[in-house]
């Protein structure tokens, strides 16, 4: 009986792990875009007011 529940548990952990990796990559991409756009806006603002 122990071996019967072993594989679904591993599949569930693997599925949650893939979801976690996907969420992590999405958050990393979002922070990269926010950093890029904020630095571009800051350079544009400094260029306008200089």
PDB file of N, CA and C in Angstrom:
ATOM      1  N   UNK A   1       0.820  -1.205   0.000  1.00  0.00           N
ATOM      2  CA  UNK A   1       0.000   0.000   0.000  1.00  0.00           C
ATOM      3  C   UNK A   1       0.861   1.265   0.000  1.00  0.00           C
ATOM      4  N   UNK A   2       2.031   1.169   0.589  1.00  0.00           N
ATOM      5  CA  UNK A   2       2.896   2.350   0.635  1.00  0.00           C
ATOM      6  C   UNK A   2       3.359   2.713  -0.764  1.00  0.00           C
ATOM      7  N   UNK A   3       3.673   1.684  -1.573  1.00  0.00           N
ATOM      8  CA  UNK A   3       4.176   1.955  -2.924  1.00  0.00           C
ATOM      9  C   UNK A   3       3.084   2.502  -3.832  1.00  0.00           C
ATOM     10  N   UNK A   4       1.822   2.244  -3.506  1.00  0.00           N
ATOM     11  CA  UNK A   4       0.742   2.728  -4.347  1.00  0.00           C
ATOM     12  C   UNK A   4       0.599   4.249  -4.247  1.00  0.00           C
ATOM     13  N   UNK A   5       0.885   4.815  -3.079  1.00  0.00           N
ATOM     14  CA  UNK A   5       0.730   6.248  -2.891  1.00  0.00           C
ATOM     15  C   UNK A   5       2.026   7.018  -3.130  1.00  0.00           C
ATOM     16  N   UNK A   6       3.100   6.304  -3.428  1.00  0.00           N
ATOM     17  CA  UNK A   6       4.382   6.971  -3.596  1.00  0.00           C
ATOM     18  C   UNK A   6       4.439   7.769  -4.898  1.00  0.00           C
ATOM     19  N   UNK A   7       3.986   7.213  -5.979  1.00  0.00           N
ATOM     20  CA  UNK A   7       4.082   7.908  -7.267  1.00  0.00           C
ATOM     21  C   UNK A   7       3.177   9.129  -7.364  1.00  0.00           C
ATOM     22  N   UNK A   8       1.908   9.064  -6.939  1.00  0.00           N
ATOM     23  CA  UNK A   8       1.095  10.280  -7.011  1.00  0.00           C
ATOM     24  C   UNK A   8       1.660  11.418  -6.167  1.00  0.00           C
ATOM     25  N   UNK A   9       2.288  11.082  -5.032  1.00  0.00           N
ATOM     26  CA  UNK A   9       2.903  12.116  -4.215  1.00  0.00           C
ATOM     27  C   UNK A   9       4.060  12.768  -4.958  1.00  0.00           C
ATOM     28  N   UNK A  10       4.896  11.943  -5.613  1.00  0.00           N
ATOM     29  CA  UNK A  10       6.009  12.502  -6.380  1.00  0.00           C
ATOM     30  C   UNK A  10       5.519  13.320  -7.572  1.00  0.00           C
ATOM     31  N   UNK A  11       4.451  12.859  -8.203  1.00  0.00           N
ATOM     32  CA  UNK A  11       3.900  13.618  -9.332  1.00  0.00           C
ATOM     33  C   UNK A  11       3.349  14.949  -8.866  1.00  0.00           C
ATOM     34  N   UNK A  12       2.716  14.949  -7.694  1.00  0.00           N
ATOM     35  CA  UNK A  12       2.175  16.197  -7.169  1.00  0.00           C
ATOM     36  C   UNK A  12       3.298  17.167  -6.794  1.00  0.00           C
ATOM     37  N   UNK A  13       4.365  16.661  -6.208  1.00  0.00           N
ATOM     38  CA  UNK A  13       5.502  17.511  -5.857  1.00  0.00           C
ATOM     39  C   UNK A  13       6.151  18.061  -7.121  1.00  0.00           C
ATOM     40  N   UNK A  14       6.268  17.215  -8.155  1.00  0.00           N
ATOM     41  CA  UNK A  14       6.873  17.676  -9.410  1.00  0.00           C
ATOM     42  C   UNK A  14       5.998  18.747 -10.065  1.00  0.00           C
ATOM     43  N   UNK A  15       4.682  18.559 -10.027  1.00  0.00           N
ATOM     44  CA  UNK A  15       3.783  19.537 -10.626  1.00  0.00           C
ATOM     45  C   UNK A  15       3.855  20.871  -9.891  1.00  0.00           C
ATOM     46  N   UNK A  16       3.882  20.800  -8.572  1.00  0.00           N
ATOM     47  CA  UNK A  16       3.999  22.053  -7.804  1.00  0.00           C
ATOM     48  C   UNK A  16       5.350  22.703  -8.019  1.00  0.00           C
ATOM     49  N   UNK A  17       6.378  21.899  -8.188  1.00  0.00           N
ATOM     50  CA  UNK A  17       7.700  22.453  -8.444  1.00  0.00           C
ATOM     51  C   UNK A  17       7.762  23.161  -9.781  1.00  0.00           C
ATOM     52  N   UNK A  18       7.151  22.576 -10.803  1.00  0.00           N
ATOM     53  CA  UNK A  18       7.123  23.240 -12.112  1.00  0.00           C
ATOM     54  C   UNK A  18       6.325  24.540 -12.044  1.00  0.00           C
ATOM     55  N   UNK A  19       5.234  24.536 -11.298  1.00  0.00           N
ATOM     56  CA  UNK A  19       4.457  25.761 -11.149  1.00  0.00           C
ATOM     57  C   UNK A  19       5.271  26.814 -10.413  1.00  0.00           C
ATOM     58  N   UNK A  20       6.028  26.401  -9.408  1.00  0.00           N
ATOM     59  CA  UNK A  20       6.871  27.344  -8.677  1.00  0.00           C
ATOM     60  C   UNK A  20       7.967  27.931  -9.544  1.00  0.00           C
ATOM     61  N   UNK A  21       8.561  27.111 -10.384  1.00  0.00           N
ATOM     62  CA  UNK A  21       9.598  27.605 -11.297  1.00  0.00           C
ATOM     63  C   UNK A  21       8.990  28.594 -12.287  1.00  0.00           C
ATOM     64  N   UNK A  22       7.800  28.285 -12.799  1.00  0.00           N
ATOM     65  CA  UNK A  22       7.145  29.184 -13.743  1.00  0.00           C
ATOM     66  C   UNK A  22       6.835  30.525 -13.086  1.00  0.00           C
ATOM     67  N   UNK A  23       6.299  30.504 -11.874  1.00  0.00           N
ATOM     68  CA  UNK A  23       5.988  31.754 -11.162  1.00  0.00           C
ATOM     69  C   UNK A  23       7.265  32.531 -10.882  1.00  0.00           C
ATOM     70  N   UNK A  24       8.332  31.841 -10.524  1.00  0.00           N
ATOM     71  CA  UNK A  24       9.599  32.512 -10.276  1.00  0.00           C
ATOM     72  C   UNK A  24      10.152  33.191 -11.516  1.00  0.00           C
ATOM     73  N   UNK A  25      10.072  32.507 -12.655  1.00  0.00           N
ATOM     74  CA  UNK A  25      10.549  33.113 -13.902  1.00  0.00           C
ATOM     75  C   UNK A  25       9.703  34.305 -14.311  1.00  0.00           C
ATOM     76  N   UNK A  26       8.388  34.204 -14.099  1.00  0.00           N
ATOM     77  CA  UNK A  26       7.509  35.329 -14.430  1.00  0.00           C
ATOM     78  C   UNK A  26       7.830  36.529 -13.542  1.00  0.00           C
ATOM     79  N   UNK A  27       8.039  36.305 -12.259  1.00  0.00           N
ATOM     80  CA  UNK A  27       8.385  37.408 -11.358  1.00  0.00           C
ATOM     81  C   UNK A  27       9.737  38.007 -11.718  1.00  0.00           C
ATOM     82  N   UNK A  28      10.686  37.180 -12.107  1.00  0.00           N
ATOM     83  CA  UNK A  28      11.994  37.686 -12.513  1.00  0.00           C
ATOM     84  C   UNK A  28      11.886  38.538 -13.773  1.00  0.00           C
ATOM     85  N   UNK A  29      11.084  38.082 -14.739  1.00  0.00           N
ATOM     86  CA  UNK A  29      10.894  38.862 -15.963  1.00  0.00           C
ATOM     87  C   UNK A  29      10.183  40.180 -15.668  1.00  0.00           C
ATOM     88  N   UNK A  30       9.202  40.150 -14.773  1.00  0.00           N
ATOM     89  CA  UNK A  30       8.483  41.385 -14.428  1.00  0.00           C
ATOM     90  C   UNK A  30       9.405  42.390 -13.750  1.00  0.00           C
ATOM     91  N   UNK A  31      10.251  41.920 -12.835  1.00  0.00           N
ATOM     92  CA  UNK A  31      11.177  42.851 -12.179  1.00  0.00           C
ATOM     93  C   UNK A  31      12.196  43.396 -13.178  1.00  0.00           C
ATOM     94  N   UNK A  32      12.602  42.584 -14.132  1.00  0.00           N
ATOM     95  CA  UNK A  32      13.522  43.072 -15.160  1.00  0.00           C
ATOM     96  C   UNK A  32      12.898  44.169 -16.005  1.00  0.00           C
ATOM     97  N   UNK A  33      11.645  43.970 -16.415  1.00  0.00           N
ATOM     98  CA  UNK A  33      10.966  44.998 -17.203  1.00  0.00           C
ATOM     99  C   UNK A  33      10.734  46.266 -16.396  1.00  0.00           C
ATOM    100  N   UNK A  34      10.374  46.123 -15.125  1.00  0.00           N
ATOM    101  CA  UNK A  34      10.159  47.305 -14.282  1.00  0.00           C
ATOM    102  C   UNK A  34      11.467  48.069 -14.107  1.00  0.00           C
ATOM    103  N   UNK A  35      12.567  47.345 -13.909  1.00  0.00           N
ATOM    104  CA  UNK A  35      13.863  47.999 -13.782  1.00  0.00           C
ATOM    105  C   UNK A  35      14.236  48.723 -15.073  1.00  0.00           C
ATOM    106  N   UNK A  36      14.035  48.059 -16.209  1.00  0.00           N
ATOM    107  CA  UNK A  36      14.378  48.666 -17.486  1.00  0.00           C
ATOM    108  C   UNK A  36      13.552  49.925 -17.746  1.00  0.00           C
ATOM    109  N   UNK A  37      12.238  49.826 -17.553  1.00  0.00           N
ATOM    110  CA  UNK A  37      11.383  50.974 -17.822  1.00  0.00           C
ATOM    111  C   UNK A  37      11.633  52.115 -16.845  1.00  0.00           C
ATOM    112  N   UNK A  38      11.903  51.797 -15.574  1.00  0.00           N
ATOM    113  CA  UNK A  38      12.155  52.866 -14.614  1.00  0.00           C
ATOM    114  C   UNK A  38      13.470  53.576 -14.903  1.00  0.00           C
ATOM    115  N   UNK A  39      14.506  52.840 -15.312  1.00  0.00           N
ATOM    116  CA  UNK A  39      15.755  53.518 -15.650  1.00  0.00           C
ATOM    117  C   UNK A  39      15.604  54.352 -16.921  1.00  0.00           C
ATOM    118  N   UNK A  40      14.836  53.863 -17.891  1.00  0.00           N
ATOM    119  CA  UNK A  40      14.604  54.662 -19.092  1.00  0.00           C
ATOM    120  C   UNK A  40      13.828  55.935 -18.760  1.00  0.00           C
ATOM    121  N   UNK A  41      12.817  55.825 -17.897  1.00  0.00           N
ATOM    122  CA  UNK A  41      12.050  57.006 -17.506  1.00  0.00           C
ATOM    123  C   UNK A  41      12.922  57.989 -16.738  1.00  0.00           C
ATOM    124  N   UNK A  42      13.789  57.471 -15.861  1.00  0.00           N
ATOM    125  CA  UNK A  42      14.668  58.354 -15.094  1.00  0.00           C
ATOM    126  C   UNK A  42      15.644  59.081 -16.012  1.00  0.00           C
ATOM    127  N   UNK A  43      16.205  58.373 -16.979  1.00  0.00           N
ATOM    128  CA  UNK A  43      17.119  59.031 -17.923  1.00  0.00           C
ATOM    129  C   UNK A  43      16.383  60.075 -18.757  1.00  0.00           C
ATOM    130  N   UNK A  44      15.156  59.759 -19.168  1.00  0.00           N
ATOM    131  CA  UNK A  44      14.379  60.722 -19.941  1.00  0.00           C
ATOM    132  C   UNK A  44      14.033  61.951 -19.107  1.00  0.00           C
ATOM    133  N   UNK A  45      13.656  61.748 -17.842  1.00  0.00           N
ATOM    134  CA  UNK A  45      13.330  62.873 -16.972  1.00  0.00           C
ATOM    135  C   UNK A  45      14.565  63.730 -16.727  1.00  0.00           C
ATOM    136  N   UNK A  46      15.704  63.118 -16.501  1.00  0.00           N
ATOM    137  CA  UNK A  46      16.916  63.894 -16.286  1.00  0.00           C
ATOM    138  C   UNK A  46      17.325  64.625 -17.557  1.00  0.00           C
ATOM    139  N   UNK A  47      17.082  64.009 -18.718  1.00  0.00           N
ATOM    140  CA  UNK A  47      17.406  64.670 -19.972  1.00  0.00           C
ATOM    141  C   UNK A  47      16.479  65.871 -20.201  1.00  0.00           C
ATOM    142  N   UNK A  48      15.200  65.739 -19.839  1.00  0.00           N
ATOM    143  CA  UNK A  48      14.259  66.839 -20.038  1.00  0.00           C
ATOM    144  C   UNK A  48      14.561  68.019 -19.135  1.00  0.00           C
ATOM    145  N   UNK A  49      14.938  67.750 -17.904  1.00  0.00           N
ATOM    146  CA  UNK A  49      15.122  68.842 -16.935  1.00  0.00           C
ATOM    147  C   UNK A  49      16.553  69.314 -16.799  1.00  0.00           C
ATOM    148  N   UNK A  50      17.447  68.794 -17.621  1.00  0.00           N
ATOM    149  CA  UNK A  50      18.834  69.246 -17.531  1.00  0.00           C
ATOM    150  C   UNK A  50      19.118  70.380 -18.510  1.00  0.00           C
TER     151      UNK A  50
END
